[in-house]
Amino acid sequence: MSEKIYVGKGKPIGKFGNLKIGIRVSDLVPNEKGYVNLIIQEMKKPDEYGNTHTVYVDDWVPKSQQKQQPARQVDESDLPF
């Protein structure tokens, strides 16, 4: 994983656990499918503006799928029936 790309911050609003998040859209680059995956993480302590959460781009990419092993050949003379 490379260095995190922070794109915004936020804080709780209201009584129902909602978060208000501000995001810099200019920092978002879609993946090959057109999506931008984000992670919202609670900060250790609020910043000077009262923000309690930070938002950064999730740049994790899964390893390419391993090649499937070829089907095992069965020797018919070895079958019990």
PDB file of N, CA and C in Angstrom:
ATOM      1  N   MET A   1       0.856  -1.171   0.000  1.00  0.00           N
ATOM      2  CA  MET A   1       0.000   0.000   0.000  1.00  0.00           C
ATOM      3  C   MET A   1       0.898   1.229   0.000  1.00  0.00           C
ATOM      4  N   SER A   2       0.574   2.181  -0.829  1.00  0.00           N
ATOM      5  CA  SER A   2       1.357   3.405  -0.908  1.00  0.00           C
ATOM      6  C   SER A   2       0.891   4.401   0.163  1.00  0.00           C
ATOM      7  N   GLU A   3       1.474   5.585   0.121  1.00  0.00           N
ATOM      8  CA  GLU A   3       1.103   6.620   1.085  1.00  0.00           C
ATOM      9  C   GLU A   3      -0.368   6.980   0.918  1.00  0.00           C
ATOM     10  N   LYS A   4      -1.060   7.191   2.037  1.00  0.00           N
ATOM     11  CA  LYS A   4      -2.491   7.487   1.999  1.00  0.00           C
ATOM     12  C   LYS A   4      -2.752   8.831   1.349  1.00  0.00           C
ATOM     13  N   ILE A   5      -3.819   8.896   0.560  1.00  0.00           N
ATOM     14  CA  ILE A   5      -4.258  10.135  -0.071  1.00  0.00           C
ATOM     15  C   ILE A   5      -5.495  10.601   0.694  1.00  0.00           C
ATOM     16  N   TYR A   6      -5.309  11.580   1.584  1.00  0.00           N
ATOM     17  CA  TYR A   6      -6.410  12.109   2.381  1.00  0.00           C
ATOM     18  C   TYR A   6      -7.223  13.076   1.535  1.00  0.00           C
ATOM     19  N   VAL A   7      -8.549  12.887   1.534  1.00  0.00           N
ATOM     20  CA  VAL A   7      -9.410  13.704   0.680  1.00  0.00           C
ATOM     21  C   VAL A   7     -10.475  14.468   1.439  1.00  0.00           C
ATOM     22  N   GLY A   8     -10.571  14.290   2.751  1.00  0.00           N
ATOM     23  CA  GLY A   8     -11.590  15.033   3.482  1.00  0.00           C
ATOM     24  C   GLY A   8     -11.607  14.708   4.953  1.00  0.00           C
ATOM     25  N   LYS A   9     -12.515  15.386   5.651  1.00  0.00           N
ATOM     26  CA  LYS A   9     -12.721  15.191   7.081  1.00  0.00           C
ATOM     27  C   LYS A   9     -14.202  15.348   7.372  1.00  0.00           C
ATOM     28  N   GLY A  10     -14.596  14.947   8.587  1.00  0.00           N
ATOM     29  CA  GLY A  10     -15.994  15.077   8.956  1.00  0.00           C
ATOM     30  C   GLY A  10     -16.203  14.951  10.434  1.00  0.00           C
ATOM     31  N   LYS A  11     -17.475  15.121  10.838  1.00  0.00           N
ATOM     32  CA  LYS A  11     -17.830  15.024  12.247  1.00  0.00           C
ATOM     33  C   LYS A  11     -19.276  14.571  12.358  1.00  0.00           C
ATOM     34  N   PRO A  12     -19.626  14.031  13.531  1.00  0.00           N
ATOM     35  CA  PRO A  12     -21.007  13.581  13.735  1.00  0.00           C
ATOM     36  C   PRO A  12     -21.975  14.764  13.764  1.00  0.00           C
ATOM     37  N   ILE A  13     -23.184  14.528  13.239  1.00  0.00           N
ATOM     38  CA  ILE A  13     -24.241  15.536  13.317  1.00  0.00           C
ATOM     39  C   ILE A  13     -25.529  14.853  13.762  1.00  0.00           C
ATOM     40  N   GLY A  14     -26.371  15.582  14.414  1.00  0.00           N
ATOM     41  CA  GLY A  14     -27.666  15.057  14.832  1.00  0.00           C
ATOM     42  C   GLY A  14     -27.566  14.018  15.926  1.00  0.00           C
ATOM     43  N   LYS A  15     -28.695  13.332  16.148  1.00  0.00           N
ATOM     44  CA  LYS A  15     -28.785  12.363  17.235  1.00  0.00           C
ATOM     45  C   LYS A  15     -28.728  10.915  16.760  1.00  0.00           C
ATOM     46  N   PHE A  16     -28.599  10.659  15.456  1.00  0.00           N
ATOM     47  CA  PHE A  16     -28.765   9.309  14.942  1.00  0.00           C
ATOM     48  C   PHE A  16     -27.488   8.687  14.392  1.00  0.00           C
ATOM     49  N   GLY A  17     -26.335   9.199  14.783  1.00  0.00           N
ATOM     50  CA  GLY A  17     -25.075   8.612  14.352  1.00  0.00           C
ATOM     51  C   GLY A  17     -24.635   8.985  12.950  1.00  0.00           C
ATOM     52  N   ASN A  18     -25.242  10.020  12.379  1.00  0.00           N
ATOM     53  CA  ASN A  18     -24.852  10.455  11.032  1.00  0.00           C
ATOM     54  C   ASN A  18     -23.513  11.182  11.067  1.00  0.00           C
ATOM     55  N   LEU A  19     -22.761  11.054   9.981  1.00  0.00           N
ATOM     56  CA  LEU A  19     -21.506  11.787   9.832  1.00  0.00           C
ATOM     57  C   LEU A  19     -21.640  12.754   8.673  1.00  0.00           C
ATOM     58  N   LYS A  20     -21.178  13.979   8.867  1.00  0.00           N
ATOM     59  CA  LYS A  20     -21.124  14.960   7.791  1.00  0.00           C
ATOM     60  C   LYS A  20     -19.675  14.997   7.318  1.00  0.00           C
ATOM     61  N   ILE A  21     -19.455  14.634   6.049  1.00  0.00           N
ATOM     62  CA  ILE A  21     -18.111  14.499   5.494  1.00  0.00           C
ATOM     63  C   ILE A  21     -17.944  15.478   4.336  1.00  0.00           C
ATOM     64  N   GLY A  22     -16.833  16.214   4.337  1.00  0.00           N
ATOM     65  CA  GLY A  22     -16.472  17.072   3.215  1.00  0.00           C
ATOM     66  C   GLY A  22     -15.332  16.412   2.445  1.00  0.00           C
ATOM     67  N   ILE A  23     -15.468  16.334   1.119  1.00  0.00           N
ATOM     68  CA  ILE A  23     -14.468  15.643   0.295  1.00  0.00           C
ATOM     69  C   ILE A  23     -13.985  16.562  -0.820  1.00  0.00           C
ATOM     70  N   ARG A  24     -12.653  16.592  -1.023  1.00  0.00           N
ATOM     71  CA  ARG A  24     -12.075  17.310  -2.166  1.00  0.00           C
ATOM     72  C   ARG A  24     -12.170  16.406  -3.395  1.00  0.00           C
ATOM     73  N   VAL A  25     -13.113  16.684  -4.252  1.00  0.00           N
ATOM     74  CA  VAL A  25     -13.365  15.852  -5.425  1.00  0.00           C
ATOM     75  C   VAL A  25     -12.165  15.856  -6.379  1.00  0.00           C
ATOM     76  N   SER A  26     -11.396  16.919  -6.408  1.00  0.00           N
ATOM     77  CA  SER A  26     -10.246  17.000  -7.318  1.00  0.00           C
ATOM     78  C   SER A  26      -9.175  15.960  -6.996  1.00  0.00           C
ATOM     79  N   ASP A  27      -9.175  15.412  -5.765  1.00  0.00           N
ATOM     80  CA  ASP A  27      -8.195  14.394  -5.376  1.00  0.00           C
ATOM     81  C   ASP A  27      -8.645  12.971  -5.700  1.00  0.00           C
ATOM     82  N   LEU A  28      -9.848  12.806  -6.227  1.00  0.00           N
ATOM     83  CA  LEU A  28     -10.385  11.476  -6.500  1.00  0.00           C
ATOM     84  C   LEU A  28     -10.092  11.049  -7.926  1.00  0.00           C
ATOM     85  N   VAL A  29      -9.523   9.849  -8.070  1.00  0.00           N
ATOM     86  CA  VAL A  29      -9.235   9.279  -9.391  1.00  0.00           C
ATOM     87  C   VAL A  29      -9.920   7.920  -9.452  1.00  0.00           C
ATOM     88  N   PRO A  30     -10.909   7.746 -10.342  1.00  0.00           N
ATOM     89  CA  PRO A  30     -11.635   6.479 -10.410  1.00  0.00           C
ATOM     90  C   PRO A  30     -10.728   5.317 -10.844  1.00  0.00           C
ATOM     91  N   ASN A  31     -11.083   4.095 -10.384  1.00  0.00           N
ATOM     92  CA  ASN A  31     -10.349   2.910 -10.813  1.00  0.00           C
ATOM     93  C   ASN A  31     -10.826   2.495 -12.199  1.00  0.00           C
ATOM     94  N   GLU A  32     -10.351   1.342 -12.686  1.00  0.00           N
ATOM     95  CA  GLU A  32     -10.688   0.913 -14.045  1.00  0.00           C
ATOM     96  C   GLU A  32     -12.181   0.646 -14.243  1.00  0.00           C
ATOM     97  N   LYS A  33     -12.925   0.444 -13.158  1.00  0.00           N
ATOM     98  CA  LYS A  33     -14.371   0.227 -13.253  1.00  0.00           C
ATOM     99  C   LYS A  33     -15.160   1.509 -13.029  1.00  0.00           C
ATOM    100  N   GLY A  34     -14.459   2.637 -12.765  1.00  0.00           N
ATOM    101  CA  GLY A  34     -15.120   3.915 -12.578  1.00  0.00           C
ATOM    102  C   GLY A  34     -15.463   4.253 -11.140  1.00  0.00           C
ATOM    103  N   TYR A  35     -14.998   3.434 -10.190  1.00  0.00           N
ATOM    104  CA  TYR A  35     -15.299   3.660  -8.782  1.00  0.00           C
ATOM    105  C   TYR A  35     -14.124   4.294  -8.060  1.00  0.00           C
ATOM    106  N   VAL A  36     -14.440   5.017  -6.978  1.00  0.00           N
ATOM    107  CA  VAL A  36     -13.429   5.511  -6.045  1.00  0.00           C
ATOM    108  C   VAL A  36     -13.800   4.918  -4.689  1.00  0.00           C
ATOM    109  N   ASN A  37     -12.932   4.080  -4.157  1.00  0.00           N
ATOM    110  CA  ASN A  37     -13.185   3.456  -2.860  1.00  0.00           C
ATOM    111  C   ASN A  37     -12.569   4.321  -1.775  1.00  0.00           C
ATOM    112  N   LEU A  38     -13.379   4.659  -0.773  1.00  0.00           N
ATOM    113  CA  LEU A  38     -12.938   5.531   0.304  1.00  0.00           C
ATOM    114  C   LEU A  38     -13.026   4.813   1.638  1.00  0.00           C
ATOM    115  N   ILE A  39     -12.145   5.178   2.554  1.00  0.00           N
ATOM    116  CA  ILE A  39     -12.190   4.681   3.921  1.00  0.00           C
ATOM    117  C   ILE A  39     -12.412   5.876   4.838  1.00  0.00           C
ATOM    118  N   ILE A  40     -13.402   5.749   5.729  1.00  0.00           N
ATOM    119  CA  ILE A  40     -13.679   6.780   6.724  1.00  0.00           C
ATOM    120  C   ILE A  40     -13.190   6.222   8.049  1.00  0.00           C
ATOM    121  N   GLN A  41     -12.267   6.937   8.670  1.00  0.00           N
ATOM    122  CA  GLN A  41     -11.633   6.451   9.894  1.00  0.00           C
ATOM    123  C   GLN A  41     -11.773   7.487  10.998  1.00  0.00           C
ATOM    124  N   GLU A  42     -12.084   6.998  12.194  1.00  0.00           N
ATOM    125  CA  GLU A  42     -12.170   7.891  13.347  1.00  0.00           C
ATOM    126  C   GLU A  42     -10.761   8.321  13.752  1.00  0.00           C
ATOM    127  N   MET A  43     -10.580   9.617  14.006  1.00  0.00           N
ATOM    128  CA  MET A  43      -9.278  10.142  14.406  1.00  0.00           C
ATOM    129  C   MET A  43      -9.077   9.917  15.903  1.00  0.00           C
ATOM    130  N   LYS A  44      -7.820   9.899  16.337  1.00  0.00           N
ATOM    131  CA  LYS A  44      -7.510   9.693  17.753  1.00  0.00           C
ATOM    132  C   LYS A  44      -8.078  10.809  18.615  1.00  0.00           C
ATOM    133  N   LYS A  45      -8.010  12.038  18.105  1.00  0.00           N
ATOM    134  CA  LYS A  45      -8.602  13.172  18.824  1.00  0.00           C
ATOM    135  C   LYS A  45      -9.101  14.179  17.788  1.00  0.00           C
ATOM    136  N   PRO A  46     -10.145  14.925  18.119  1.00  0.00           N
ATOM    137  CA  PRO A  46     -10.691  15.911  17.178  1.00  0.00           C
ATOM    138  C   PRO A  46      -9.657  16.977  16.815  1.00  0.00           C
ATOM    139  N   ASP A  47      -9.773  17.498  15.586  1.00  0.00           N
ATOM    140  CA  ASP A  47      -8.870  18.574  15.175  1.00  0.00           C
ATOM    141  C   ASP A  47      -9.397  19.922  15.676  1.00  0.00           C
ATOM    142  N   GLU A  48      -8.744  20.991  15.274  1.00  0.00           N
ATOM    143  CA  GLU A  48      -9.115  22.332  15.760  1.00  0.00           C
ATOM    144  C   GLU A  48     -10.504  22.779  15.318  1.00  0.00           C
ATOM    145  N   TYR A  49     -11.082  22.114  14.295  1.00  0.00           N
ATOM    146  CA  TYR A  49     -12.412  22.479  13.803  1.00  0.00           C
ATOM    147  C   TYR A  49     -13.495  21.539  14.316  1.00  0.00           C
ATOM    148  N   GLY A  50     -13.127  20.595  15.180  1.00  0.00           N
ATOM    149  CA  GLY A  50     -14.099  19.652  15.729  1.00  0.00           C
ATOM    150  C   GLY A  50     -14.321  18.419  14.872  1.00  0.00           C
ATOM    151  N   ASN A  51     -13.545  18.247  13.804  1.00  0.00           N
ATOM    152  CA  ASN A  51     -13.675  17.052  12.972  1.00  0.00           C
ATOM    153  C   ASN A  51     -13.150  15.841  13.732  1.00  0.00           C
ATOM    154  N   THR A  52     -13.926  14.774  13.703  1.00  0.00           N
ATOM    155  CA  THR A  52     -13.570  13.560  14.437  1.00  0.00           C
ATOM    156  C   THR A  52     -13.220  12.393  13.520  1.00  0.00           C
ATOM    157  N   HIS A  53     -13.453  12.563  12.215  1.00  0.00           N
ATOM    158  CA  HIS A  53     -13.204  11.496  11.242  1.00  0.00           C
ATOM    159  C   HIS A  53     -12.393  12.039  10.063  1.00  0.00           C
ATOM    160  N   THR A  54     -11.619  11.171   9.458  1.00  0.00           N
ATOM    161  CA  THR A  54     -10.857  11.529   8.274  1.00  0.00           C
ATOM    162  C   THR A  54     -11.213  10.559   7.148  1.00  0.00           C
ATOM    163  N   VAL A  55     -11.063  11.009   5.919  1.00  0.00           N
ATOM    164  CA  VAL A  55     -11.421  10.207   4.747  1.00  0.00           C
ATOM    165  C   VAL A  55     -10.197  10.094   3.855  1.00  0.00           C
ATOM    166  N   TYR A  56      -9.885   8.866   3.436  1.00  0.00           N
ATOM    167  CA  TYR A  56      -8.780   8.682   2.507  1.00  0.00           C
ATOM    168  C   TYR A  56      -9.128   7.637   1.463  1.00  0.00           C
ATOM    169  N   VAL A  57      -8.383   7.662   0.359  1.00  0.00           N
ATOM    170  CA  VAL A  57      -8.630   6.768  -0.763  1.00  0.00           C
ATOM    171  C   VAL A  57      -8.114   5.377  -0.419  1.00  0.00           C
ATOM    172  N   ASP A  58      -8.944   4.365  -0.657  1.00  0.00           N
ATOM    173  CA  ASP A  58      -8.547   2.968  -0.475  1.00  0.00           C
ATOM    174  C   ASP A  58      -7.894   2.514  -1.773  1.00  0.00           C
ATOM    175  N   ASP A  59      -6.570   2.394  -1.761  1.00  0.00           N
ATOM    176  CA  ASP A  59      -5.852   2.024  -2.991  1.00  0.00           C
ATOM    177  C   ASP A  59      -5.453   0.551  -3.024  1.00  0.00           C
ATOM    178  N   TRP A  60      -6.051  -0.272  -2.157  1.00  0.00           N
ATOM    179  CA  TRP A  60      -5.733  -1.692  -2.119  1.00  0.00           C
ATOM    180  C   TRP A  60      -6.229  -2.354  -3.403  1.00  0.00           C
ATOM    181  N   VAL A  61      -5.379  -3.149  -4.005  1.00  0.00           N
ATOM    182  CA  VAL A  61      -5.731  -3.886  -5.214  1.00  0.00           C
ATOM    183  C   VAL A  61      -5.467  -5.366  -4.941  1.00  0.00           C
ATOM    184  N   PRO A  62      -6.465  -6.225  -5.148  1.00  0.00           N
ATOM    185  CA  PRO A  62      -6.251  -7.643  -4.876  1.00  0.00           C
ATOM    186  C   PRO A  62      -5.243  -8.241  -5.851  1.00  0.00           C
ATOM    187  N   LYS A  63      -4.540  -9.279  -5.379  1.00  0.00           N
ATOM    188  CA  LYS A  63      -3.615  -9.982  -6.267  1.00  0.00           C
ATOM    189  C   LYS A  63      -4.431 -10.600  -7.392  1.00  0.00           C
ATOM    190  N   SER A  64      -3.831 -10.692  -8.560  1.00  0.00           N
ATOM    191  CA  SER A  64      -4.565 -11.300  -9.666  1.00  0.00           C
ATOM    192  C   SER A  64      -4.892 -12.736  -9.287  1.00  0.00           C
ATOM    193  N   GLN A  65      -5.998 -13.179  -9.775  1.00  0.00           N
ATOM    194  CA  GLN A  65      -6.429 -14.527  -9.417  1.00  0.00           C
ATOM    195  C   GLN A  65      -5.404 -15.531  -9.917  1.00  0.00           C
ATOM    196  N   GLN A  66      -5.112 -16.487  -9.050  1.00  0.00           N
ATOM    197  CA  GLN A  66      -4.146 -17.502  -9.430  1.00  0.00           C
ATOM    198  C   GLN A  66      -4.736 -18.335 -10.557  1.00  0.00           C
ATOM    199  N   LYS A  67      -3.865 -18.772 -11.450  1.00  0.00           N
ATOM    200  CA  LYS A  67      -4.331 -19.608 -12.548  1.00  0.00           C
ATOM    201  C   LYS A  67      -4.889 -20.899 -11.986  1.00  0.00           C
ATOM    202  N   GLN A  68      -6.015 -21.280 -12.510  1.00  0.00           N
ATOM    203  CA  GLN A  68      -6.611 -22.514 -12.032  1.00  0.00           C
ATOM    204  C   GLN A  68      -5.781 -23.689 -12.523  1.00  0.00           C
ATOM    205  N   GLN A  69      -5.577 -24.642 -11.636  1.00  0.00           N
ATOM    206  CA  GLN A  69      -4.806 -25.808 -12.015  1.00  0.00           C
ATOM    207  C   GLN A  69      -5.627 -26.644 -12.982  1.00  0.00           C
ATOM    208  N   PRO A  70      -4.979 -27.262 -13.961  1.00  0.00           N
ATOM    209  CA  PRO A  70      -5.724 -28.076 -14.930  1.00  0.00           C
ATOM    210  C   PRO A  70      -6.385 -29.258 -14.229  1.00  0.00           C
ATOM    211  N   ALA A  71      -7.497 -29.706 -14.804  1.00  0.00           N
ATOM    212  CA  ALA A  71      -8.222 -30.838 -14.226  1.00  0.00           C
ATOM    213  C   ALA A  71      -7.318 -32.064 -14.204  1.00  0.00           C
ATOM    214  N   ARG A  72      -7.425 -32.807 -13.126  1.00  0.00           N
ATOM    215  CA  ARG A  72      -6.602 -33.998 -12.966  1.00  0.00           C
ATOM    216  C   ARG A  72      -7.086 -35.104 -13.900  1.00  0.00           C
ATOM    217  N   GLN A  73      -6.190 -35.744 -14.576  1.00  0.00           N
ATOM    218  CA  GLN A  73      -6.540 -36.839 -15.471  1.00  0.00           C
ATOM    219  C   GLN A  73      -6.768 -38.113 -14.659  1.00  0.00           C
ATOM    220  N   VAL A  74      -7.855 -38.792 -14.943  1.00  0.00           N
ATOM    221  CA  VAL A  74      -8.172 -40.023 -14.222  1.00  0.00           C
ATOM    222  C   VAL A  74      -7.865 -41.199 -15.130  1.00  0.00           C
ATOM    223  N   ASP A  75      -7.109 -42.144 -14.613  1.00  0.00           N
ATOM    224  CA  ASP A  75      -6.782 -43.356 -15.347  1.00  0.00           C
ATOM    225  C   ASP A  75      -7.948 -44.331 -15.148  1.00  0.00           C
ATOM    226  N   GLU A  76      -8.732 -44.567 -16.186  1.00  0.00           N
ATOM    227  CA  GLU A  76      -9.927 -45.394 -16.081  1.00  0.00           C
ATOM    228  C   GLU A  76      -9.606 -46.836 -15.697  1.00  0.00           C
ATOM    229  N   SER A  77      -8.425 -47.314 -15.994  1.00  0.00           N
ATOM    230  CA  SER A  77      -8.076 -48.688 -15.635  1.00  0.00           C
ATOM    231  C   SER A  77      -7.897 -48.851 -14.144  1.00  0.00           C
ATOM    232  N   ASP A  78      -7.799 -47.737 -13.426  1.00  0.00           N
ATOM    233  CA  ASP A  78      -7.568 -47.767 -11.988  1.00  0.00           C
ATOM    234  C   ASP A  78      -8.879 -47.689 -11.198  1.00  0.00           C
ATOM    235  N   LEU A  79     -10.022 -47.514 -11.889  1.00  0.00           N
ATOM    236  CA  LEU A  79     -11.311 -47.392 -11.215  1.00  0.00           C
ATOM    237  C   LEU A  79     -11.805 -48.765 -10.760  1.00  0.00           C
ATOM    238  N   PRO A  80     -12.473 -48.817  -9.585  1.00  0.00           N
ATOM    239  CA  PRO A  80     -12.919 -50.108  -9.064  1.00  0.00           C
ATOM    240  C   PRO A  80     -14.180 -50.653  -9.742  1.00  0.00           C
ATOM    241  N   PHE A  81     -14.822 -49.960 -10.620  1.00  0.00           N
ATOM    242  CA  PHE A  81     -16.054 -50.459 -11.252  1.00  0.00           C
ATOM    243  C   PHE A  81     -15.936 -50.503 -12.744  1.00  0.00           C
TER     244      PHE A  81
END
